[in-house]
Structures are given as C-alpha cells and as structure tokens.
Amino acid sequence: MVLDSLPPPVRPLDVAVYNFPDMTGQNKENETFAEFSRALTQGGADILVDVLTKAGHGQWFDVDERTALQPLLQERQIIQNTRNAIYGPRAESLPALRFAGVLLEGGIIGYDTDQQTGGLGANYLGIGANTEYRQDIVTVALRAISVKTGRVLASVTTTKTIYSALLQGSIFKFVAVDKLLQIEGGYTRNEPATLAVREAVQLAVYSLIFEGVKDHLWQFKDAAAGAVFMRNLEAKRRATEITFPPGHS
C-alpha cells in the first residue's frame, strides 16, 4: 500500500520485463516421497509486472509487454495479413510497438528454510498444549539497466520472512481403572510463499525507485512531497537499526 501511494514522477518510466525467474531451483519439502514441484512460484515476471503497473497508482511505470512477446507479434501479423487481404495495397500498417528505455532484470535468488525454529509446551495433570514455529526467508534481486548504454543504473536486494506456526492441545486421563481418555487437536498456519515473493518484489520496486531518486536518475513531480517521503523513509530505517555501545561489534 505504501508503494501504491507514492507521489507521481516527473514522467513515467518506459520499462520492459523479459523474465524474473526462480534461481533457487528448490523443490517442495516432502518427508515421504520425492517432490518435484517447485518450492517457489515460477510466475515471478507476472508478479513483477503487476506490481509495476500499480506503483504510484499506475503513474510510475509504463510497462511494455515482453513476457508474451511471441503471441503479441503473431496476433499483429494476423491483423496485418487480414488488412492486406481485404484492402490490398491500400491496407494500413499497424503502428510500431513501444520500446523501453529501461530494462528490469533480476529474480528470486534465495529461499532459506528453517532459519529459526522453536517451540513451547506445558502439561499439567494430563492436560497440555504446545506450540511450534518456523521461519523461512525469501530473497529477491532487482536491477534497472539502461537500454541505450547497457549500464546498470540501480540495483537492490530485498528479503521477506515467511512464518509457519503450529498449535496443539491434548488431554490424557484415566476415567476408570481400565479406561483411558485421550483427545488431541491441532492447528497449523503457513504463510503462502507466493505472497511472500510478491511482498519482496514490492519492497524491491519501492527500494529501486528511491535508489534512483537519490542518484538523480528520476525525480518526483512534486519535489516537496517527494522530500517528505524520503525523510519518512530515512526515519523508519533509522528506527529499525540496532545501536551498539562503543567498542562492541
């Protein structure tokens, strides 16, 4: 939502996304049989394009279609052939495709599982409960490349944490000399990995915009509003930093 509310730029950036792959190559974890499904989404380019088209209420980027370029060219050829068949030499040609000045490249470069694990449990008179949690981390890299010169204009790397939690409860009681009551129940919540990838991409686009603003590659249309955003971002960054005493590392 912060990305959506960014102040508009002086002019939208013409960008193209050819691919945004999963570079981790990791498969889903399975303790019983070999799982060949990927652990992370293979639609990274579609997520990135969707995020770009919504940045600053759609005012920051003009995204040129490149992930489905071949079907687009085929459809244009069909239209042109139809026009030629109907009108002959008088047939109008289709306007030229848009071209981008900035190429966005990168991908999902890391998926680290079980970065933190833990749990807590208690049992009293046969009645107890326990909870367990797990933390995974998704890492995304994104860079902006000048099509004219090939120079990398800005590059960022962002991470998003995925949390999984398990809550269990149990009752273990002798209700008679030879009768035992045992009840168990549980609930597990896993944060979707695809949602984590999307949030990491959103943060990467957000960071890329501000890297470009700081390096004077692009600017906010309203300089005052942009300056307020930059100050707020810097204040939040400082608030999350950990300050150590002198001599401590």
C-alpha atoms as a PDB file:
ATOM      1  CA  MET A   1       0.000   0.000   0.000  1.00  0.00           C
ATOM      2  CA  VAL A   2       2.963   2.334   0.615  1.00  0.00           C
ATOM      3  CA  LEU A   3       4.124   1.631  -2.929  1.00  0.00           C
ATOM      4  CA  ASP A   4       0.678   2.460  -4.304  1.00  0.00           C
ATOM      5  CA  SER A   5       0.643   5.818  -2.511  1.00  0.00           C
ATOM      6  CA  LEU A   6       3.998   7.053  -3.822  1.00  0.00           C
ATOM      7  CA  PRO A   7       3.929  10.599  -5.245  1.00  0.00           C
ATOM      8  CA  PRO A   8       3.996  10.545  -9.079  1.00  0.00           C
ATOM      9  CA  PRO A   9       7.241  11.082 -11.022  1.00  0.00           C
ATOM     10  CA  VAL A  10       8.043  13.872 -13.457  1.00  0.00           C
ATOM     11  CA  ARG A  11       7.195  11.400 -16.221  1.00  0.00           C
ATOM     12  CA  PRO A  12       6.528   7.639 -16.239  1.00  0.00           C
ATOM     13  CA  LEU A  13       9.455   5.329 -16.922  1.00  0.00           C
ATOM     14  CA  ASP A  14       9.182   3.119 -20.015  1.00  0.00           C
ATOM     15  CA  VAL A  15      10.318  -0.295 -18.763  1.00  0.00           C
ATOM     16  CA  ALA A  16      10.344  -3.871 -20.043  1.00  0.00           C
ATOM     17  CA  VAL A  17      10.468  -7.178 -18.147  1.00  0.00           C
ATOM     18  CA  TYR A  18      11.526 -10.236 -20.136  1.00  0.00           C
ATOM     19  CA  ASN A  19      11.939 -12.662 -17.262  1.00  0.00           C
ATOM     20  CA  PHE A  20      12.102 -12.808 -13.488  1.00  0.00           C
ATOM     21  CA  PRO A  21      12.986 -16.441 -12.755  1.00  0.00           C
ATOM     22  CA  ASP A  22      13.244 -18.585  -9.659  1.00  0.00           C
ATOM     23  CA  MET A  23      17.025 -19.062  -9.437  1.00  0.00           C
ATOM     24  CA  THR A  24      16.913 -21.178  -6.284  1.00  0.00           C
ATOM     25  CA  GLY A  25      15.958 -24.421  -8.072  1.00  0.00           C
ATOM     26  CA  GLN A  26      14.480 -25.736  -4.833  1.00  0.00           C
ATOM     27  CA  ASN A  27      11.692 -28.315  -4.741  1.00  0.00           C
ATOM     28  CA  LYS A  28       8.947 -28.594  -2.149  1.00  0.00           C
ATOM     29  CA  GLU A  29       9.903 -30.400   1.024  1.00  0.00           C
ATOM     30  CA  ASN A  30       8.333 -33.837   1.494  1.00  0.00           C
ATOM     31  CA  GLU A  31       9.306 -36.408   4.099  1.00  0.00           C
ATOM     32  CA  THR A  32       7.556 -39.386   2.475  1.00  0.00           C
ATOM     33  CA  PHE A  33       8.399 -39.225  -1.258  1.00  0.00           C
ATOM     34  CA  ALA A  34      10.399 -37.244  -3.803  1.00  0.00           C
ATOM     35  CA  GLU A  35       8.567 -33.996  -4.619  1.00  0.00           C
ATOM     36  CA  PHE A  36       9.343 -32.388  -7.960  1.00  0.00           C
ATOM     37  CA  SER A  37       7.053 -29.359  -7.578  1.00  0.00           C
ATOM     38  CA  ARG A  38       8.945 -26.134  -7.101  1.00  0.00           C
ATOM     39  CA  ALA A  39       9.080 -24.603  -3.648  1.00  0.00           C
ATOM     40  CA  LEU A  40       8.537 -21.089  -5.040  1.00  0.00           C
ATOM     41  CA  THR A  41       6.339 -19.613  -7.739  1.00  0.00           C
ATOM     42  CA  GLN A  42       7.531 -19.772 -11.346  1.00  0.00           C
ATOM     43  CA  GLY A  43       5.480 -16.679 -12.227  1.00  0.00           C
ATOM     44  CA  GLY A  44       7.888 -14.071 -10.924  1.00  0.00           C
ATOM     45  CA  ALA A  45       7.706 -11.969 -14.104  1.00  0.00           C
ATOM     46  CA  ASP A  46       3.903 -11.777 -13.895  1.00  0.00           C
ATOM     47  CA  ILE A  47       4.115 -10.673 -10.249  1.00  0.00           C
ATOM     48  CA  LEU A  48       6.718  -8.017 -11.081  1.00  0.00           C
ATOM     49  CA  VAL A  49       4.668  -6.641 -13.995  1.00  0.00           C
ATOM     50  CA  ASP A  50       1.565  -6.454 -11.812  1.00  0.00           C
ATOM     51  CA  VAL A  51       3.469  -4.598  -9.076  1.00  0.00           C
ATOM     52  CA  LEU A  52       4.972  -2.156 -11.592  1.00  0.00           C
ATOM     53  CA  THR A  53       1.605  -1.300 -13.135  1.00  0.00           C
ATOM     54  CA  LYS A  54       0.218  -0.387  -9.689  1.00  0.00           C
ATOM     55  CA  ALA A  55       3.156   1.652  -8.355  1.00  0.00           C
ATOM     56  CA  GLY A  56       2.082   5.194  -7.526  1.00  0.00           C
ATOM     57  CA  HIS A  57      -1.471   4.422  -8.690  1.00  0.00           C
ATOM     58  CA  GLY A  58      -0.080   3.384 -12.057  1.00  0.00           C
ATOM     59  CA  GLN A  59       1.800   6.640 -12.637  1.00  0.00           C
ATOM     60  CA  TRP A  60       5.398   5.455 -12.130  1.00  0.00           C
ATOM     61  CA  PHE A  61       5.891   2.914 -14.921  1.00  0.00           C
ATOM     62  CA  ASP A  62       4.700   2.355 -18.489  1.00  0.00           C
ATOM     63  CA  VAL A  63       5.321  -1.380 -18.844  1.00  0.00           C
ATOM     64  CA  ASP A  64       5.894  -2.754 -22.354  1.00  0.00           C
ATOM     65  CA  GLU A  65       4.777  -6.349 -22.907  1.00  0.00           C
ATOM     66  CA  ARG A  66       7.736  -8.693 -23.338  1.00  0.00           C
ATOM     67  CA  THR A  67       6.939 -11.897 -21.442  1.00  0.00           C
ATOM     68  CA  ALA A  68       4.310 -12.777 -24.083  1.00  0.00           C
ATOM     69  CA  LEU A  69       6.063 -11.101 -26.996  1.00  0.00           C
ATOM     70  CA  GLN A  70       5.724 -14.011 -29.444  1.00  0.00           C
ATOM     71  CA  PRO A  71       1.899 -14.271 -29.191  1.00  0.00           C
ATOM     72  CA  LEU A  72       1.706 -10.473 -29.488  1.00  0.00           C
ATOM     73  CA  LEU A  73       3.764 -10.490 -32.699  1.00  0.00           C
ATOM     74  CA  GLN A  74       1.707 -13.354 -34.111  1.00  0.00           C
ATOM     75  CA  GLU A  75      -1.554 -11.514 -33.444  1.00  0.00           C
ATOM     76  CA  ARG A  76      -0.202  -8.376 -35.075  1.00  0.00           C
ATOM     77  CA  GLN A  77       0.797 -10.434 -38.107  1.00  0.00           C
ATOM     78  CA  ILE A  78      -2.702 -11.926 -38.337  1.00  0.00           C
ATOM     79  CA  ILE A  79      -4.235  -8.429 -38.254  1.00  0.00           C
ATOM     80  CA  GLN A  80      -1.845  -7.162 -40.928  1.00  0.00           C
ATOM     81  CA  ASN A  81      -2.473 -10.180 -43.173  1.00  0.00           C
ATOM     82  CA  THR A  82      -6.223  -9.665 -42.841  1.00  0.00           C
ATOM     83  CA  ARG A  83      -5.917  -5.985 -43.749  1.00  0.00           C
ATOM     84  CA  ASN A  84      -3.788  -6.864 -46.762  1.00  0.00           C
ATOM     85  CA  ALA A  85      -6.319  -9.485 -47.901  1.00  0.00           C
ATOM     86  CA  ILE A  86      -9.223  -7.019 -47.692  1.00  0.00           C
ATOM     87  CA  TYR A  87      -7.660  -3.744 -48.822  1.00  0.00           C
ATOM     88  CA  GLY A  88      -4.673  -4.939 -50.854  1.00  0.00           C
ATOM     89  CA  PRO A  89      -2.027  -2.245 -51.444  1.00  0.00           C
ATOM     90  CA  ARG A  90      -4.224   0.327 -49.676  1.00  0.00           C
ATOM     91  CA  ALA A  91      -4.022  -1.565 -46.366  1.00  0.00           C
ATOM     92  CA  GLU A  92      -2.781   0.475 -43.439  1.00  0.00           C
ATOM     93  CA  SER A  93       0.139  -0.835 -41.432  1.00  0.00           C
ATOM     94  CA  LEU A  94      -0.132  -1.270 -37.683  1.00  0.00           C
ATOM     95  CA  PRO A  95       1.683   1.358 -35.601  1.00  0.00           C
ATOM     96  CA  ALA A  96       5.113   0.376 -34.311  1.00  0.00           C
ATOM     97  CA  LEU A  97       5.427  -1.362 -30.958  1.00  0.00           C
ATOM     98  CA  ARG A  98       6.504   0.714 -27.980  1.00  0.00           C
ATOM     99  CA  PHE A  99      10.120   0.337 -26.909  1.00  0.00           C
ATOM    100  CA  ALA A 100      11.567   0.657 -23.414  1.00  0.00           C
ATOM    101  CA  GLY A 101      14.384   2.849 -22.197  1.00  0.00           C
ATOM    102  CA  VAL A 102      14.957   0.783 -19.047  1.00  0.00           C
ATOM    103  CA  LEU A 103      15.206  -2.997 -18.765  1.00  0.00           C
ATOM    104  CA  LEU A 104      14.340  -4.567 -15.399  1.00  0.00           C
ATOM    105  CA  GLU A 105      16.220  -7.767 -14.633  1.00  0.00           C
ATOM    106  CA  GLY A 106      16.734  -9.999 -11.617  1.00  0.00           C
ATOM    107  CA  GLY A 107      14.947 -12.868  -9.959  1.00  0.00           C
ATOM    108  CA  ILE A 108      14.315 -14.861  -6.802  1.00  0.00           C
ATOM    109  CA  ILE A 109      17.856 -15.614  -5.685  1.00  0.00           C
ATOM    110  CA  GLY A 110      17.367 -17.240  -2.292  1.00  0.00           C
ATOM    111  CA  TYR A 111      14.996 -19.429  -0.297  1.00  0.00           C
ATOM    112  CA  ASP A 112      16.469 -20.299   3.100  1.00  0.00           C
ATOM    113  CA  THR A 113      14.335 -22.662   5.169  1.00  0.00           C
ATOM    114  CA  ASP A 114      14.355 -23.247   8.919  1.00  0.00           C
ATOM    115  CA  GLN A 115      16.329 -20.104   9.658  1.00  0.00           C
ATOM    116  CA  GLN A 116      14.768 -20.140  13.094  1.00  0.00           C
ATOM    117  CA  THR A 117      12.772 -22.895  14.750  1.00  0.00           C
ATOM    118  CA  GLY A 118      11.440 -23.279  18.254  1.00  0.00           C
ATOM    119  CA  GLY A 119       8.536 -24.160  20.423  1.00  0.00           C
ATOM    120  CA  LEU A 120       6.985 -24.145  23.869  1.00  0.00           C
ATOM    121  CA  GLY A 121       4.804 -26.647  25.690  1.00  0.00           C
ATOM    122  CA  ALA A 122       3.316 -27.424  29.107  1.00  0.00           C
ATOM    123  CA  ASN A 123       1.400 -30.321  30.667  1.00  0.00           C
ATOM    124  CA  TYR A 124      -0.455 -30.491  33.962  1.00  0.00           C
ATOM    125  CA  LEU A 125      -2.440 -33.460  35.242  1.00  0.00           C
ATOM    126  CA  GLY A 126      -2.671 -34.939  31.760  1.00  0.00           C
ATOM    127  CA  ILE A 127      -3.852 -31.724  30.098  1.00  0.00           C
ATOM    128  CA  GLY A 128      -1.368 -29.848  27.990  1.00  0.00           C
ATOM    129  CA  ALA A 129      -0.641 -27.743  24.953  1.00  0.00           C
ATOM    130  CA  ASN A 130       2.373 -26.918  22.870  1.00  0.00           C
ATOM    131  CA  THR A 131       3.278 -24.577  20.047  1.00  0.00           C
ATOM    132  CA  GLU A 132       5.996 -24.674  17.418  1.00  0.00           C
ATOM    133  CA  TYR A 133       7.142 -22.141  14.832  1.00  0.00           C
ATOM    134  CA  ARG A 134       9.441 -21.984  11.823  1.00  0.00           C
ATOM    135  CA  GLN A 135      10.948 -19.063   9.915  1.00  0.00           C
ATOM    136  CA  ASP A 136      11.953 -19.133   6.227  1.00  0.00           C
ATOM    137  CA  ILE A 137      13.430 -16.262   4.193  1.00  0.00           C
ATOM    138  CA  VAL A 138      12.891 -15.332   0.528  1.00  0.00           C
ATOM    139  CA  THR A 139      15.495 -13.098  -1.152  1.00  0.00           C
ATOM    140  CA  VAL A 140      14.815 -11.112  -4.336  1.00  0.00           C
ATOM    141  CA  ALA A 141      17.238  -9.124  -6.526  1.00  0.00           C
ATOM    142  CA  LEU A 142      16.172  -6.389  -8.958  1.00  0.00           C
ATOM    143  CA  ARG A 143      18.216  -4.034 -11.144  1.00  0.00           C
ATOM    144  CA  ALA A 144      17.461  -1.336 -13.707  1.00  0.00           C
ATOM    145  CA  ILE A 145      19.576  -1.350 -16.884  1.00  0.00           C
ATOM    146  CA  SER A 146      19.830   1.446 -19.439  1.00  0.00           C
ATOM    147  CA  VAL A 147      18.919   0.040 -22.860  1.00  0.00           C
ATOM    148  CA  LYS A 148      20.891   2.832 -24.556  1.00  0.00           C
ATOM    149  CA  THR A 149      24.204   2.237 -22.793  1.00  0.00           C
ATOM    150  CA  GLY A 150      23.846  -1.122 -21.027  1.00  0.00           C
ATOM    151  CA  ARG A 151      24.853   0.470 -17.713  1.00  0.00           C
ATOM    152  CA  VAL A 152      23.263  -0.785 -14.516  1.00  0.00           C
ATOM    153  CA  LEU A 153      21.501   2.306 -13.201  1.00  0.00           C
ATOM    154  CA  ALA A 154      20.386   0.916  -9.836  1.00  0.00           C
ATOM    155  CA  SER A 155      20.416  -2.456  -8.100  1.00  0.00           C
ATOM    156  CA  VAL A 156      18.689  -3.644  -4.912  1.00  0.00           C
ATOM    157  CA  THR A 157      18.305  -6.865  -2.929  1.00  0.00           C
ATOM    158  CA  THR A 158      15.383  -7.394  -0.543  1.00  0.00           C
ATOM    159  CA  THR A 159      14.186 -10.164   1.758  1.00  0.00           C
ATOM    160  CA  LYS A 160      10.841 -11.312   3.125  1.00  0.00           C
ATOM    161  CA  THR A 161      10.328 -13.631   6.084  1.00  0.00           C
ATOM    162  CA  ILE A 162       7.814 -16.496   5.934  1.00  0.00           C
ATOM    163  CA  TYR A 163       6.383 -17.680   9.237  1.00  0.00           C
ATOM    164  CA  SER A 164       4.803 -21.080   9.939  1.00  0.00           C
ATOM    165  CA  ALA A 165       3.169 -21.825  13.286  1.00  0.00           C
ATOM    166  CA  LEU A 166       1.722 -24.999  14.865  1.00  0.00           C
ATOM    167  CA  LEU A 167      -0.569 -25.116  17.916  1.00  0.00           C
ATOM    168  CA  GLN A 168      -1.507 -28.429  19.517  1.00  0.00           C
ATOM    169  CA  GLY A 169      -3.526 -29.447  22.567  1.00  0.00           C
ATOM    170  CA  SER A 170      -4.076 -32.806  24.245  1.00  0.00           C
ATOM    171  CA  ILE A 171      -5.895 -34.460  27.143  1.00  0.00           C
ATOM    172  CA  PHE A 172      -4.643 -37.736  28.650  1.00  0.00           C
ATOM    173  CA  LYS A 173      -6.811 -39.055  31.509  1.00  0.00           C
ATOM    174  CA  PHE A 174      -7.759 -42.335  33.186  1.00  0.00           C
ATOM    175  CA  VAL A 175     -11.540 -42.098  33.559  1.00  0.00           C
ATOM    176  CA  ALA A 176     -11.682 -45.530  35.193  1.00  0.00           C
ATOM    177  CA  VAL A 177      -9.253 -48.208  36.307  1.00  0.00           C
ATOM    178  CA  ASP A 178      -9.191 -49.827  32.883  1.00  0.00           C
ATOM    179  CA  LYS A 179     -10.415 -46.928  30.739  1.00  0.00           C
ATOM    180  CA  LEU A 180      -8.286 -44.187  29.214  1.00  0.00           C
ATOM    181  CA  LEU A 181      -9.466 -40.907  27.664  1.00  0.00           C
ATOM    182  CA  GLN A 182      -7.142 -39.364  25.101  1.00  0.00           C
ATOM    183  CA  ILE A 183      -8.034 -36.316  22.985  1.00  0.00           C
ATOM    184  CA  GLU A 184      -5.694 -34.448  20.663  1.00  0.00           C
ATOM    185  CA  GLY A 185      -6.185 -31.469  18.383  1.00  0.00           C
ATOM    186  CA  GLY A 186      -4.042 -29.044  16.461  1.00  0.00           C
ATOM    187  CA  TYR A 187      -3.922 -26.125  14.095  1.00  0.00           C
ATOM    188  CA  THR A 188      -1.201 -25.129  11.634  1.00  0.00           C
ATOM    189  CA  ARG A 189      -0.838 -21.827   9.785  1.00  0.00           C
ATOM    190  CA  ASN A 190       1.643 -21.430   6.933  1.00  0.00           C
ATOM    191  CA  GLU A 191       2.147 -18.047   5.282  1.00  0.00           C
ATOM    192  CA  PRO A 192       1.885 -18.521   1.478  1.00  0.00           C
ATOM    193  CA  ALA A 193       5.300 -18.447  -0.187  1.00  0.00           C
ATOM    194  CA  THR A 194       3.816 -16.729  -3.256  1.00  0.00           C
ATOM    195  CA  LEU A 195       2.533 -13.882  -1.082  1.00  0.00           C
ATOM    196  CA  ALA A 196       5.995 -13.565   0.465  1.00  0.00           C
ATOM    197  CA  VAL A 197       7.564 -13.368  -3.006  1.00  0.00           C
ATOM    198  CA  ARG A 198       5.099 -10.640  -4.000  1.00  0.00           C
ATOM    199  CA  GLU A 199       5.866  -8.593  -0.884  1.00  0.00           C
ATOM    200  CA  ALA A 200       9.609  -8.983  -1.506  1.00  0.00           C
ATOM    201  CA  VAL A 201       9.101  -7.783  -5.109  1.00  0.00           C
ATOM    202  CA  GLN A 202       7.042  -4.817  -3.884  1.00  0.00           C
ATOM    203  CA  LEU A 203       9.830  -3.865  -1.494  1.00  0.00           C
ATOM    204  CA  ALA A 204      12.399  -4.259  -4.295  1.00  0.00           C
ATOM    205  CA  VAL A 205      10.454  -1.916  -6.622  1.00  0.00           C
ATOM    206  CA  TYR A 206       9.980   0.550  -3.756  1.00  0.00           C
ATOM    207  CA  SER A 207      13.715   0.479  -2.972  1.00  0.00           C
ATOM    208  CA  LEU A 208      14.675   0.765  -6.654  1.00  0.00           C
ATOM    209  CA  ILE A 209      12.573   3.923  -7.021  1.00  0.00           C
ATOM    210  CA  PHE A 210      14.256   5.567  -4.043  1.00  0.00           C
ATOM    211  CA  GLU A 211      17.736   4.492  -5.153  1.00  0.00           C
ATOM    212  CA  GLY A 212      17.041   6.219  -8.471  1.00  0.00           C
ATOM    213  CA  VAL A 213      15.727   9.343  -6.730  1.00  0.00           C
ATOM    214  CA  LYS A 214      18.834   9.580  -4.539  1.00  0.00           C
ATOM    215  CA  ASP A 215      21.093   9.163  -7.598  1.00  0.00           C
ATOM    216  CA  HIS A 216      19.042  11.721  -9.604  1.00  0.00           C
ATOM    217  CA  LEU A 217      18.082   9.147 -12.259  1.00  0.00           C
ATOM    218  CA  TRP A 218      14.395  10.088 -11.931  1.00  0.00           C
ATOM    219  CA  GLN A 219      12.539  12.561  -9.753  1.00  0.00           C
ATOM    220  CA  PHE A 220       9.184  13.164  -8.109  1.00  0.00           C
ATOM    221  CA  LYS A 221       6.867  15.555  -9.904  1.00  0.00           C
ATOM    222  CA  ASP A 222       6.187  17.313  -6.609  1.00  0.00           C
ATOM    223  CA  ALA A 223       9.639  17.779  -5.096  1.00  0.00           C
ATOM    224  CA  ALA A 224       8.223  18.781  -1.698  1.00  0.00           C
ATOM    225  CA  ALA A 225       6.022  15.681  -1.415  1.00  0.00           C
ATOM    226  CA  GLY A 226       8.938  13.538  -2.546  1.00  0.00           C
ATOM    227  CA  ALA A 227      11.211  15.079   0.069  1.00  0.00           C
ATOM    228  CA  VAL A 228       8.680  14.260   2.802  1.00  0.00           C
ATOM    229  CA  PHE A 229       8.550  10.658   1.624  1.00  0.00           C
ATOM    230  CA  MET A 230      12.340  10.430   1.613  1.00  0.00           C
ATOM    231  CA  ARG A 231      12.593  11.838   5.146  1.00  0.00           C
ATOM    232  CA  ASN A 232       9.947   9.433   6.433  1.00  0.00           C
ATOM    233  CA  LEU A 233      11.733   6.504   4.799  1.00  0.00           C
ATOM    234  CA  GLU A 234      15.048   7.500   6.368  1.00  0.00           C
ATOM    235  CA  ALA A 235      13.394   7.928   9.786  1.00  0.00           C
ATOM    236  CA  LYS A 236      11.862   4.455   9.586  1.00  0.00           C
ATOM    237  CA  ARG A 237      15.200   2.977   8.532  1.00  0.00           C
ATOM    238  CA  ARG A 238      16.994   4.572  11.486  1.00  0.00           C
ATOM    239  CA  ALA A 239      14.259   3.454  13.878  1.00  0.00           C
ATOM    240  CA  THR A 240      14.840  -0.184  12.897  1.00  0.00           C
ATOM    241  CA  GLU A 241      18.621  -0.051  13.255  1.00  0.00           C
ATOM    242  CA  ILE A 242      20.271  -1.576  16.347  1.00  0.00           C
ATOM    243  CA  THR A 243      22.801   0.738  18.017  1.00  0.00           C
ATOM    244  CA  PHE A 244      25.684  -0.946  19.832  1.00  0.00           C
ATOM    245  CA  PRO A 245      27.817   0.707  22.549  1.00  0.00           C
ATOM    246  CA  PRO A 246      31.331   1.918  21.588  1.00  0.00           C
ATOM    247  CA  GLY A 247      33.843  -0.914  21.196  1.00  0.00           C
ATOM    248  CA  HIS A 248      31.129  -3.550  20.757  1.00  0.00           C
ATOM    249  CA  SER A 249      30.769  -5.410  17.436  1.00  0.00           C
END
